[in-house]
N, C-alpha and C. Protein backbone atom coordinates (compact mmCIF):
# COMPACT_ATOMS: atom_id res chain seq x y z
N MET A 1 -16.12 -30.86 14.45
CA MET A 1 -14.85 -31.51 14.25
C MET A 1 -15.05 -32.66 13.28
N SER A 2 -14.26 -32.65 12.22
CA SER A 2 -14.37 -33.73 11.26
C SER A 2 -13.04 -34.44 11.15
N SER A 3 -13.12 -35.70 10.82
CA SER A 3 -11.90 -36.49 10.72
C SER A 3 -12.00 -37.36 9.49
N ALA A 4 -10.95 -37.36 8.70
CA ALA A 4 -10.90 -38.21 7.51
C ALA A 4 -9.73 -39.15 7.68
N SER A 5 -9.95 -40.25 8.40
CA SER A 5 -8.84 -41.18 8.60
C SER A 5 -9.31 -42.60 8.39
N SER A 6 -8.97 -43.14 7.25
CA SER A 6 -9.26 -44.54 7.01
C SER A 6 -8.03 -45.39 7.28
N SER A 7 -6.87 -44.76 7.23
CA SER A 7 -5.63 -45.46 7.56
C SER A 7 -4.68 -44.46 8.20
N GLU A 8 -3.54 -44.94 8.66
CA GLU A 8 -2.58 -44.10 9.34
C GLU A 8 -1.94 -43.09 8.39
N THR A 9 -1.94 -43.40 7.08
CA THR A 9 -1.30 -42.51 6.13
C THR A 9 -2.18 -41.34 5.72
N SER A 10 -3.48 -41.45 5.92
CA SER A 10 -4.35 -40.35 5.52
C SER A 10 -4.22 -39.18 6.50
N ILE A 11 -4.51 -38.00 6.02
CA ILE A 11 -4.37 -36.80 6.83
C ILE A 11 -5.68 -36.54 7.57
N GLU A 12 -5.59 -36.39 8.87
CA GLU A 12 -6.77 -36.10 9.67
C GLU A 12 -7.02 -34.60 9.65
N LEU A 13 -8.26 -34.22 9.46
CA LEU A 13 -8.62 -32.81 9.53
C LEU A 13 -9.41 -32.61 10.82
N VAL A 14 -8.74 -32.12 11.80
CA VAL A 14 -9.35 -31.86 13.10
C VAL A 14 -9.39 -30.35 13.26
N ARG A 15 -10.54 -29.83 13.63
CA ARG A 15 -10.68 -28.40 13.83
C ARG A 15 -10.82 -28.10 15.31
N CYS A 16 -10.20 -27.00 15.72
CA CYS A 16 -10.30 -26.59 17.12
C CYS A 16 -11.57 -25.76 17.30
N TYR A 17 -11.78 -25.22 18.47
CA TYR A 17 -12.97 -24.44 18.77
C TYR A 17 -12.99 -23.12 18.00
N CYS A 18 -11.84 -22.69 17.48
CA CYS A 18 -11.76 -21.47 16.66
C CYS A 18 -12.22 -21.75 15.23
N THR A 19 -12.52 -23.00 14.91
CA THR A 19 -12.94 -23.52 13.60
C THR A 19 -11.83 -23.51 12.56
N VAL A 20 -10.61 -23.38 12.99
CA VAL A 20 -9.47 -23.50 12.07
C VAL A 20 -8.86 -24.88 12.26
N PRO A 21 -8.14 -25.39 11.26
CA PRO A 21 -7.50 -26.71 11.44
C PRO A 21 -6.54 -26.69 12.62
N ALA A 22 -6.65 -27.71 13.46
CA ALA A 22 -5.81 -27.80 14.65
C ALA A 22 -4.38 -28.18 14.25
N ALA A 23 -3.43 -27.74 15.06
CA ALA A 23 -2.03 -28.06 14.83
C ALA A 23 -1.70 -29.41 15.47
N LEU A 24 -0.91 -30.21 14.78
CA LEU A 24 -0.50 -31.51 15.32
C LEU A 24 0.86 -31.33 15.99
N GLN A 25 0.91 -31.59 17.29
CA GLN A 25 2.12 -31.41 18.09
C GLN A 25 2.59 -32.77 18.61
N THR A 26 3.77 -32.80 19.16
CA THR A 26 4.32 -34.02 19.76
C THR A 26 4.66 -33.75 21.21
N SER A 27 4.21 -34.64 22.08
CA SER A 27 4.50 -34.51 23.51
C SER A 27 5.86 -35.11 23.80
N TRP A 28 6.66 -34.41 24.62
CA TRP A 28 7.96 -34.93 25.02
C TRP A 28 8.06 -35.01 26.54
N THR A 29 6.92 -35.18 27.20
CA THR A 29 6.92 -35.35 28.65
C THR A 29 7.35 -36.76 28.99
N SER A 30 7.71 -36.97 30.25
CA SER A 30 8.14 -38.32 30.66
C SER A 30 6.97 -39.31 30.65
N GLN A 31 5.74 -38.82 30.83
CA GLN A 31 4.58 -39.71 30.83
C GLN A 31 4.14 -40.08 29.41
N ASN A 32 4.34 -39.18 28.45
CA ASN A 32 3.87 -39.42 27.08
C ASN A 32 4.92 -39.06 26.03
N PRO A 33 6.10 -39.65 26.07
CA PRO A 33 7.13 -39.26 25.11
C PRO A 33 6.77 -39.70 23.69
N GLY A 34 6.83 -38.74 22.77
CA GLY A 34 6.57 -39.06 21.38
C GLY A 34 5.11 -39.18 21.02
N ARG A 35 4.21 -38.99 21.97
CA ARG A 35 2.79 -39.12 21.69
C ARG A 35 2.29 -37.84 21.02
N ARG A 36 1.50 -38.00 19.96
CA ARG A 36 1.02 -36.86 19.17
C ARG A 36 -0.33 -36.38 19.70
N PHE A 37 -0.55 -35.10 19.56
CA PHE A 37 -1.83 -34.51 19.99
C PHE A 37 -2.17 -33.30 19.13
N PHE A 38 -3.46 -32.98 19.09
CA PHE A 38 -3.93 -31.80 18.39
C PHE A 38 -4.15 -30.70 19.40
N THR A 39 -3.83 -29.49 18.99
CA THR A 39 -4.05 -28.33 19.84
C THR A 39 -4.39 -27.14 18.95
N CYS A 40 -4.87 -26.08 19.58
CA CYS A 40 -5.23 -24.88 18.82
C CYS A 40 -4.01 -24.35 18.07
N LYS A 41 -4.23 -23.93 16.84
CA LYS A 41 -3.16 -23.41 16.00
C LYS A 41 -2.53 -22.17 16.63
N PHE A 42 -3.26 -21.48 17.44
CA PHE A 42 -2.79 -20.24 18.04
C PHE A 42 -2.11 -20.47 19.39
N TYR A 43 -1.81 -21.71 19.72
CA TYR A 43 -1.10 -22.03 20.96
C TYR A 43 0.31 -21.46 20.90
N ASN A 44 0.70 -20.75 21.94
CA ASN A 44 2.03 -20.16 22.02
C ASN A 44 2.58 -20.40 23.42
N PRO A 45 3.46 -21.39 23.61
CA PRO A 45 3.95 -21.71 24.95
C PRO A 45 4.80 -20.59 25.56
N GLU A 46 5.47 -19.80 24.72
CA GLU A 46 6.31 -18.72 25.25
C GLU A 46 5.46 -17.62 25.86
N MET A 47 4.30 -17.37 25.28
CA MET A 47 3.43 -16.30 25.77
C MET A 47 2.39 -16.82 26.76
N GLN A 48 2.41 -18.12 27.03
CA GLN A 48 1.42 -18.76 27.89
C GLN A 48 0.00 -18.53 27.36
N PHE A 49 -0.14 -18.50 26.05
CA PHE A 49 -1.44 -18.30 25.41
C PHE A 49 -1.82 -19.58 24.70
N ARG A 50 -2.97 -20.12 25.03
CA ARG A 50 -3.38 -21.41 24.47
C ARG A 50 -4.47 -21.28 23.42
N GLY A 51 -4.74 -20.12 22.93
CA GLY A 51 -5.79 -19.96 21.93
C GLY A 51 -7.14 -20.29 22.55
N CYS A 52 -7.84 -21.25 21.97
CA CYS A 52 -9.16 -21.63 22.49
C CYS A 52 -9.07 -22.81 23.47
N ASN A 53 -7.88 -23.17 23.90
CA ASN A 53 -7.64 -24.28 24.85
C ASN A 53 -8.06 -25.65 24.32
N PHE A 54 -8.11 -25.81 22.99
CA PHE A 54 -8.46 -27.09 22.41
C PHE A 54 -7.31 -28.07 22.59
N PHE A 55 -7.64 -29.31 22.96
CA PHE A 55 -6.64 -30.35 23.13
C PHE A 55 -7.30 -31.69 22.86
N LYS A 56 -6.63 -32.52 22.05
CA LYS A 56 -7.15 -33.86 21.77
C LYS A 56 -5.98 -34.75 21.39
N TRP A 57 -5.86 -35.90 22.06
CA TRP A 57 -4.82 -36.87 21.69
C TRP A 57 -5.13 -37.42 20.32
N LYS A 58 -4.09 -37.63 19.53
CA LYS A 58 -4.26 -38.26 18.22
C LYS A 58 -4.42 -39.75 18.46
N VAL A 59 -5.48 -40.31 17.93
CA VAL A 59 -5.74 -41.75 18.08
C VAL A 59 -4.88 -42.48 17.06
N ILE A 60 -4.06 -43.38 17.57
CA ILE A 60 -3.22 -44.16 16.66
C ILE A 60 -3.46 -45.64 16.87
N ASN A 61 -3.18 -46.34 15.86
CA ASN A 61 -3.36 -47.77 15.85
C ASN A 61 -2.49 -48.41 16.94
N PHE A 62 -2.99 -49.44 17.57
CA PHE A 62 -2.25 -50.14 18.63
C PHE A 62 -0.90 -50.65 18.12
N LEU A 63 -0.87 -51.15 16.89
CA LEU A 63 0.38 -51.67 16.34
C LEU A 63 1.41 -50.56 16.14
N VAL A 64 0.94 -49.37 15.80
CA VAL A 64 1.85 -48.24 15.64
C VAL A 64 2.45 -47.88 16.99
N MET A 65 1.61 -47.89 18.04
CA MET A 65 2.09 -47.60 19.39
C MET A 65 3.10 -48.66 19.82
N GLU A 66 2.81 -49.92 19.52
CA GLU A 66 3.72 -51.01 19.86
C GLU A 66 5.05 -50.84 19.12
N LYS A 67 4.98 -50.43 17.86
CA LYS A 67 6.19 -50.20 17.08
C LYS A 67 7.02 -49.08 17.70
N MET A 68 6.36 -48.00 18.12
CA MET A 68 7.07 -46.90 18.76
C MET A 68 7.74 -47.37 20.05
N SER A 69 7.02 -48.18 20.81
CA SER A 69 7.56 -48.71 22.06
C SER A 69 8.79 -49.58 21.80
N LEU A 70 8.71 -50.43 20.79
CA LEU A 70 9.83 -51.29 20.44
C LEU A 70 11.03 -50.48 19.96
N LYS A 71 10.78 -49.43 19.19
CA LYS A 71 11.88 -48.57 18.73
C LYS A 71 12.57 -47.93 19.92
N GLN A 72 11.78 -47.49 20.90
CA GLN A 72 12.35 -46.88 22.10
C GLN A 72 13.21 -47.91 22.84
N GLU A 73 12.70 -49.13 22.99
CA GLU A 73 13.47 -50.17 23.66
C GLU A 73 14.76 -50.49 22.91
N ILE A 74 14.68 -50.53 21.58
CA ILE A 74 15.87 -50.80 20.77
C ILE A 74 16.92 -49.72 20.98
N SER A 75 16.47 -48.47 20.99
CA SER A 75 17.45 -47.38 21.17
C SER A 75 18.07 -47.45 22.57
N GLU A 76 17.29 -47.83 23.58
CA GLU A 76 17.85 -47.98 24.93
C GLU A 76 18.86 -49.12 24.98
N ILE A 77 18.56 -50.22 24.30
CA ILE A 77 19.48 -51.36 24.26
C ILE A 77 20.76 -50.98 23.54
N LYS A 78 20.64 -50.21 22.44
CA LYS A 78 21.84 -49.78 21.71
C LYS A 78 22.72 -48.91 22.60
N ILE A 79 22.10 -48.03 23.39
CA ILE A 79 22.86 -47.18 24.30
C ILE A 79 23.60 -48.03 25.32
N LYS A 80 22.91 -49.02 25.88
CA LYS A 80 23.54 -49.91 26.86
C LYS A 80 24.68 -50.71 26.22
N CYS A 81 24.48 -51.17 24.98
CA CYS A 81 25.54 -51.92 24.28
C CYS A 81 26.76 -51.03 24.07
N ASP A 82 26.53 -49.79 23.68
CA ASP A 82 27.66 -48.86 23.49
C ASP A 82 28.40 -48.63 24.79
N GLU A 83 27.64 -48.46 25.89
CA GLU A 83 28.28 -48.27 27.20
C GLU A 83 29.10 -49.50 27.58
N ASN A 84 28.54 -50.69 27.36
CA ASN A 84 29.27 -51.93 27.68
C ASN A 84 30.51 -52.09 26.81
N ARG A 85 30.41 -51.71 25.54
CA ARG A 85 31.56 -51.79 24.64
C ARG A 85 32.68 -50.87 25.14
N ARG A 86 32.31 -49.65 25.55
CA ARG A 86 33.31 -48.72 26.08
C ARG A 86 33.95 -49.28 27.35
N ARG A 87 33.13 -49.85 28.22
CA ARG A 87 33.67 -50.44 29.45
C ARG A 87 34.63 -51.57 29.14
N ARG A 88 34.25 -52.44 28.18
CA ARG A 88 35.13 -53.55 27.80
C ARG A 88 36.46 -53.03 27.25
N GLU A 89 36.40 -51.96 26.47
CA GLU A 89 37.63 -51.38 25.93
C GLU A 89 38.51 -50.84 27.04
N ILE A 90 37.91 -50.17 28.02
CA ILE A 90 38.67 -49.63 29.15
C ILE A 90 39.29 -50.76 29.94
N ILE A 91 38.49 -51.78 30.24
CA ILE A 91 39.00 -52.93 31.00
C ILE A 91 40.09 -53.64 30.21
N GLY A 92 39.89 -53.78 28.90
CA GLY A 92 40.91 -54.42 28.05
C GLY A 92 42.22 -53.65 28.08
N LYS A 93 42.13 -52.32 28.03
CA LYS A 93 43.35 -51.50 28.08
C LYS A 93 44.04 -51.66 29.42
N ARG A 94 43.27 -51.69 30.49
CA ARG A 94 43.85 -51.87 31.83
C ARG A 94 44.56 -53.23 31.93
N ARG A 95 43.88 -54.26 31.44
CA ARG A 95 44.48 -55.60 31.49
C ARG A 95 45.74 -55.66 30.65
N TRP A 96 45.72 -55.01 29.47
CA TRP A 96 46.90 -54.99 28.62
C TRP A 96 48.06 -54.31 29.34
N LYS A 97 47.78 -53.20 30.01
CA LYS A 97 48.83 -52.50 30.76
C LYS A 97 49.36 -53.38 31.88
N GLN A 98 48.43 -54.06 32.60
CA GLN A 98 48.86 -54.93 33.69
C GLN A 98 49.73 -56.07 33.16
N ARG A 99 49.32 -56.67 32.04
CA ARG A 99 50.12 -57.76 31.46
C ARG A 99 51.49 -57.26 31.03
N ARG A 100 51.50 -56.08 30.41
CA ARG A 100 52.77 -55.51 29.97
C ARG A 100 53.68 -55.24 31.16
N GLN A 101 53.11 -54.68 32.22
CA GLN A 101 53.91 -54.42 33.42
C GLN A 101 54.41 -55.73 34.01
N TRP A 102 53.55 -56.74 34.04
CA TRP A 102 53.96 -58.03 34.58
C TRP A 102 55.09 -58.62 33.74
N ARG A 103 54.94 -58.55 32.41
CA ARG A 103 55.98 -59.09 31.53
C ARG A 103 57.30 -58.35 31.73
N MET A 104 57.19 -57.02 31.83
CA MET A 104 58.40 -56.24 32.03
C MET A 104 59.06 -56.59 33.35
N SER A 105 58.24 -56.73 34.40
CA SER A 105 58.82 -57.07 35.70
C SER A 105 59.41 -58.48 35.69
N SER A 106 58.74 -59.42 35.02
CA SER A 106 59.28 -60.78 34.95
C SER A 106 60.55 -60.81 34.09
N GLU A 107 60.61 -60.00 33.04
CA GLU A 107 61.82 -59.93 32.22
C GLU A 107 62.97 -59.34 33.04
N ARG A 108 62.66 -58.33 33.85
CA ARG A 108 63.69 -57.74 34.70
C ARG A 108 64.22 -58.77 35.68
N ARG A 109 63.28 -59.54 36.27
CA ARG A 109 63.70 -60.58 37.21
C ARG A 109 64.60 -61.60 36.52
N GLN A 110 64.19 -62.00 35.34
CA GLN A 110 65.00 -62.97 34.60
C GLN A 110 66.37 -62.39 34.27
N TRP A 111 66.38 -61.11 33.86
CA TRP A 111 67.65 -60.47 33.54
C TRP A 111 68.54 -60.38 34.77
N ARG A 112 67.92 -60.00 35.91
CA ARG A 112 68.69 -59.94 37.16
C ARG A 112 69.24 -61.31 37.52
N MET A 113 68.37 -62.32 37.41
CA MET A 113 68.81 -63.67 37.77
C MET A 113 69.91 -64.13 36.83
N SER A 114 69.78 -63.83 35.56
CA SER A 114 70.82 -64.25 34.61
C SER A 114 72.12 -63.49 34.87
N SER A 115 72.01 -62.21 35.23
CA SER A 115 73.24 -61.45 35.51
C SER A 115 73.88 -61.94 36.81
N VAL A 116 73.07 -62.34 37.78
CA VAL A 116 73.61 -62.89 39.02
C VAL A 116 74.32 -64.20 38.75
N THR A 117 73.74 -65.07 37.94
CA THR A 117 74.39 -66.34 37.62
C THR A 117 75.68 -66.12 36.83
N VAL A 118 75.69 -65.13 35.97
CA VAL A 118 76.92 -64.82 35.21
C VAL A 118 77.99 -64.34 36.19
N GLU A 119 77.58 -63.47 37.13
CA GLU A 119 78.56 -62.96 38.11
C GLU A 119 79.11 -64.10 38.96
N ARG A 120 78.23 -65.01 39.37
CA ARG A 120 78.66 -66.15 40.19
C ARG A 120 79.65 -67.02 39.42
N LYS A 121 79.33 -67.26 38.16
CA LYS A 121 80.23 -68.06 37.35
C LYS A 121 81.58 -67.37 37.18
N PHE A 122 81.52 -66.06 37.01
CA PHE A 122 82.74 -65.30 36.85
C PHE A 122 83.56 -65.32 38.13
N GLU A 123 82.87 -65.26 39.29
CA GLU A 123 83.55 -65.29 40.59
C GLU A 123 84.16 -66.66 40.84
N GLU A 124 83.53 -67.70 40.38
CA GLU A 124 84.02 -69.05 40.60
C GLU A 124 85.32 -69.29 39.86
N ARG A 125 85.58 -68.62 38.84
CA ARG A 125 86.77 -68.85 38.04
C ARG A 125 87.93 -68.29 38.72
């Protein structure tokens, strides 16, 4: 197995036990989301065939891992912000409806009271 990595941008040449270049895959499990690993090029998950069963985590710089972690946190915060924005909009619409109903009911009361006073004045004459 040989590796040519002086920086994160260089291409690593990792060979599996079949002596062919290993395939670079991405893990999407809950324990290792987004973590990259090398596996046999002949790995086929549908056929349950793993080739030569070669597996090796890709070694990445600590800062790159930290960056990935921060990106994940940012996306989670954005999701929460969107949810809160939607909730505020719903609450705002409810409050607007309540205020409108209150205004309408208070206007009706005022109208009733004004019509009652007009009737009383008319009766007094």
